[in-house]
Amino acid sequence: MSRLRRLLLLGAAAALATPALASSRRVLVTMTDGPFYPPRAWRAAWSDQDADLSRVQRGGRVLQARGEHLGLELKLADTAGRVIDGAEVEIWQCDTLATYRHPDVPAPPGSFDEGFQGFGAARSGAQGLARLRTIKPVPYPGRTPHIHVKLRHASFGELSSQLFVAGEPGNARDFLWRALAPQDRGGLEMQLQPAAPDSGLRWTARHTLVVPA
């Protein structure tokens, strides 16, 4: 067997052994922030708004979110294939009680999950990766499960969109999903995979977000 053939076979084997990030070559479809993006001034009063939405530190206690915990890894790359480091990545979503954390949403005791942060942020590293921990999104009246995402970087400015769960039956009934061109849906579909038993997670998702070059 020639040296070149051996190298090609080794490269193919390595590609199969490494989980690939779901991706699309098309630029991320932008969407509005929606009514539940928490204002920055309101968030400033929060004691906990890091990249882990699945736990909240309050009064010396650590509260765990209800629901199925999800490890979310987002890779930012432009249409030329260059990774984007130093980008701010924000996500927000409702909790398992279908409640958003927002100043306009009434929050009497018992109406929301006190262990779910609701909003979180991370920054992409040298490989363009931003890692967050949250819960598998759940539906609320009129909407299929989704996670809102906002990206900021000097190279492309600010973009907002939504991430959907691939294969979710409710997608076909969701007005925003139906409005997407079929060729654009792959860029917004998270492929959930079962997490390792000792990870403390139920699911993982690795997804590439494509931004303008």
Protein backbone atom coordinates (compact mmCIF):
# COMPACT_ATOMS: atom_id res chain seq x y z
CA MET A 1 0.00 0.00 0.00
CA SER A 2 1.43 3.39 -0.99
CA ARG A 3 2.23 6.05 1.63
CA LEU A 4 -0.35 8.41 0.08
CA ARG A 5 -3.09 5.77 0.29
CA ARG A 6 -2.22 5.06 3.94
CA LEU A 7 -2.46 8.78 4.76
CA LEU A 8 -5.84 9.05 3.02
CA LEU A 9 -7.19 6.05 4.93
CA LEU A 10 -5.92 7.42 8.24
CA GLY A 11 -7.51 10.77 7.52
CA ALA A 12 -10.85 9.15 6.70
CA ALA A 13 -10.73 7.10 9.89
CA ALA A 14 -9.99 10.18 11.99
CA ALA A 15 -12.91 12.01 10.42
CA LEU A 16 -15.25 9.15 11.28
CA ALA A 17 -13.95 8.96 14.85
CA THR A 18 -14.47 12.68 15.53
CA PRO A 19 -18.09 13.84 16.03
CA ALA A 20 -18.79 16.49 13.43
CA LEU A 21 -20.57 19.73 14.21
CA ALA A 22 -23.86 20.02 12.37
CA SER A 23 -23.48 22.80 9.87
CA SER A 24 -24.83 24.57 6.82
CA ARG A 25 -22.90 26.57 4.22
CA ARG A 26 -25.68 29.13 4.13
CA VAL A 27 -25.54 32.25 6.28
CA LEU A 28 -27.60 32.02 9.46
CA VAL A 29 -31.15 33.26 8.88
CA THR A 30 -31.81 36.23 11.11
CA MET A 31 -34.94 36.64 13.21
CA THR A 32 -36.19 39.27 15.61
CA ASP A 33 -35.31 39.11 19.30
CA GLY A 34 -38.96 38.49 20.09
CA PRO A 35 -40.75 39.94 23.12
CA PHE A 36 -38.73 38.12 25.79
CA TYR A 37 -35.13 39.25 25.27
CA PRO A 38 -34.24 40.50 28.77
CA PRO A 39 -33.03 44.12 28.73
CA ARG A 40 -29.39 44.62 29.65
CA ALA A 41 -30.23 47.11 32.42
CA TRP A 42 -32.57 44.57 34.02
CA ARG A 43 -29.99 41.79 33.70
CA ALA A 44 -27.42 43.94 35.44
CA ALA A 45 -29.24 43.29 38.72
CA TRP A 46 -28.88 39.51 38.33
CA SER A 47 -26.25 37.81 40.42
CA ASP A 48 -25.88 34.90 38.00
CA GLN A 49 -25.91 35.16 34.20
CA ASP A 50 -22.99 32.98 33.09
CA ALA A 51 -22.82 30.25 30.43
CA ASP A 52 -24.55 27.67 32.66
CA LEU A 53 -28.30 28.26 32.58
CA SER A 54 -29.03 24.96 34.31
CA ARG A 55 -28.13 26.17 37.80
CA VAL A 56 -28.67 29.32 39.81
CA GLN A 57 -26.70 30.43 42.85
CA ARG A 58 -28.91 32.17 45.35
CA GLY A 59 -28.39 32.92 49.03
CA GLY A 60 -25.52 30.49 49.35
CA ARG A 61 -27.53 27.71 47.69
CA VAL A 62 -27.20 26.18 44.24
CA LEU A 63 -30.55 25.45 42.61
CA GLN A 64 -30.74 23.00 39.71
CA ALA A 65 -33.02 23.55 36.73
CA ARG A 66 -35.86 21.19 36.02
CA GLY A 67 -35.96 19.45 32.67
CA GLU A 68 -33.44 17.56 30.55
CA HIS A 69 -30.05 19.23 30.77
CA LEU A 70 -28.35 20.01 27.47
CA GLY A 71 -24.68 20.68 26.72
CA LEU A 72 -24.66 23.11 23.79
CA GLU A 73 -21.49 23.70 21.75
CA LEU A 74 -21.75 26.39 19.08
CA LYS A 75 -19.04 26.99 16.51
CA LEU A 76 -18.95 30.34 14.73
CA ALA A 77 -17.50 30.43 11.22
CA ASP A 78 -17.94 32.72 8.24
CA THR A 79 -18.89 31.73 4.69
CA ALA A 80 -15.19 31.49 3.80
CA GLY A 81 -14.69 28.85 6.50
CA ARG A 82 -12.76 31.10 8.90
CA VAL A 83 -13.62 30.58 12.56
CA ILE A 84 -14.70 33.61 14.58
CA ASP A 85 -13.02 33.97 17.96
CA GLY A 86 -13.95 36.53 20.59
CA ALA A 87 -17.61 36.67 19.56
CA GLU A 88 -20.24 37.24 22.24
CA VAL A 89 -22.88 34.50 22.21
CA GLU A 90 -26.13 34.98 24.15
CA ILE A 91 -28.99 32.50 24.50
CA TRP A 92 -32.37 32.73 26.21
CA GLN A 93 -35.40 30.45 26.41
CA CYS A 94 -38.38 29.56 28.56
CA ASP A 95 -38.18 27.09 31.45
CA THR A 96 -40.10 23.82 31.77
CA LEU A 97 -43.10 25.79 33.05
CA ALA A 98 -43.10 27.70 29.72
CA THR A 99 -42.09 30.92 31.49
CA TYR A 100 -39.46 33.42 30.32
CA ARG A 101 -37.38 35.51 32.70
CA HIS A 102 -38.32 39.03 31.67
CA PRO A 103 -39.47 42.15 33.53
CA ASP A 104 -42.81 42.13 31.68
CA VAL A 105 -43.58 38.53 32.65
CA PRO A 106 -45.37 38.16 36.03
CA ALA A 107 -43.32 35.94 38.32
CA PRO A 108 -45.31 34.98 41.42
CA PRO A 109 -43.83 32.09 43.43
CA GLY A 110 -44.40 28.77 41.72
CA SER A 111 -44.96 30.25 38.27
CA PHE A 112 -41.34 29.82 37.16
CA ASP A 113 -38.40 27.51 37.77
CA GLU A 114 -36.11 29.22 40.28
CA GLY A 115 -33.27 26.89 39.30
CA PHE A 116 -33.27 27.96 35.66
CA GLN A 117 -31.26 31.04 34.74
CA GLY A 118 -33.29 31.83 31.63
CA PHE A 119 -30.49 33.80 29.94
CA GLY A 120 -26.78 33.11 29.58
CA ALA A 121 -23.73 34.26 27.67
CA ALA A 122 -20.38 32.92 26.53
CA ARG A 123 -17.54 34.02 24.26
CA SER A 124 -16.11 32.00 21.39
CA GLY A 125 -12.52 30.84 21.79
CA ALA A 126 -9.62 30.39 19.38
CA GLN A 127 -11.40 27.56 17.53
CA GLY A 128 -14.60 29.60 17.24
CA LEU A 129 -16.30 27.49 19.92
CA ALA A 130 -18.68 28.75 22.59
CA ARG A 131 -19.87 26.23 25.18
CA LEU A 132 -23.07 26.65 27.17
CA ARG A 133 -25.20 24.47 29.38
CA THR A 134 -28.97 24.77 29.40
CA ILE A 135 -32.06 22.54 29.13
CA LYS A 136 -33.68 20.90 26.13
CA PRO A 137 -36.17 23.54 25.01
CA VAL A 138 -39.86 22.93 25.62
CA PRO A 139 -42.92 24.23 23.76
CA TYR A 140 -45.19 26.97 24.95
CA PRO A 141 -48.59 27.96 23.52
CA GLY A 142 -48.20 28.77 19.85
CA ARG A 143 -44.51 27.88 19.53
CA THR A 144 -42.40 24.80 18.98
CA PRO A 145 -39.38 24.23 21.27
CA HIS A 146 -36.58 26.68 20.44
CA ILE A 147 -33.62 28.58 21.87
CA HIS A 148 -33.03 32.21 20.99
CA VAL A 149 -29.46 33.17 20.09
CA LYS A 150 -27.78 36.54 19.63
CA LEU A 151 -24.24 36.95 18.25
CA ARG A 152 -21.98 40.02 18.37
CA HIS A 153 -18.56 40.59 16.79
CA ALA A 154 -16.77 43.46 15.08
CA SER A 155 -16.54 41.48 11.82
CA PHE A 156 -20.30 41.06 11.31
CA GLY A 157 -22.03 43.28 13.87
CA GLU A 158 -25.04 41.78 15.64
CA LEU A 159 -27.23 38.88 14.54
CA SER A 160 -30.25 37.27 16.22
CA SER A 161 -31.88 33.98 15.34
CA GLN A 162 -33.43 30.84 16.84
CA LEU A 163 -32.29 27.23 17.15
CA PHE A 164 -34.83 24.44 16.69
CA VAL A 165 -34.70 20.75 17.62
CA ALA A 166 -34.28 18.54 14.56
CA GLY A 167 -37.17 16.10 14.18
CA GLU A 168 -39.41 17.88 16.69
CA PRO A 169 -43.05 17.21 15.62
CA GLY A 170 -44.12 20.72 16.62
CA ASN A 171 -41.83 22.31 14.02
CA ALA A 172 -44.32 21.62 11.23
CA ARG A 173 -46.95 23.66 13.08
CA ASP A 174 -44.66 26.56 14.02
CA PHE A 175 -45.26 29.71 11.95
CA LEU A 176 -41.61 30.80 12.03
CA TRP A 177 -40.32 27.36 11.07
CA ARG A 178 -42.80 27.12 8.20
CA ALA A 179 -41.69 30.54 6.94
CA LEU A 180 -38.10 29.31 6.52
CA ALA A 181 -36.95 28.19 3.10
CA PRO A 182 -36.24 24.43 3.21
CA GLN A 183 -32.58 25.04 2.32
CA ASP A 184 -32.19 27.40 5.31
CA ARG A 185 -33.57 25.06 7.96
CA GLY A 186 -30.39 23.01 8.35
CA GLY A 187 -28.55 26.04 9.65
CA LEU A 188 -31.02 26.32 12.53
CA GLU A 189 -31.59 22.63 13.38
CA MET A 190 -29.84 21.28 16.46
CA GLN A 191 -29.13 17.55 16.25
CA LEU A 192 -29.48 16.32 19.84
CA GLN A 193 -27.40 13.33 20.89
CA PRO A 194 -27.58 11.36 24.17
CA ALA A 195 -24.88 12.56 26.57
CA ALA A 196 -22.34 10.37 28.33
CA PRO A 197 -23.86 8.77 31.48
CA ASP A 198 -21.34 10.44 33.81
CA SER A 199 -21.64 13.94 32.30
CA GLY A 200 -24.61 15.11 34.36
CA LEU A 201 -26.35 15.91 31.07
CA ARG A 202 -29.18 14.23 29.19
CA TRP A 203 -28.32 15.62 25.76
CA THR A 204 -25.52 17.28 23.82
CA ALA A 205 -25.68 19.31 20.62
CA ARG A 206 -22.82 20.58 18.49
CA HIS A 207 -23.81 23.08 15.85
CA THR A 208 -22.09 25.51 13.47
CA LEU A 209 -23.50 29.02 13.01
CA VAL A 210 -22.43 30.58 9.71
CA VAL A 211 -22.03 34.36 9.64
CA PRO A 212 -21.23 36.72 6.74
CA ALA A 213 -17.58 36.94 5.69
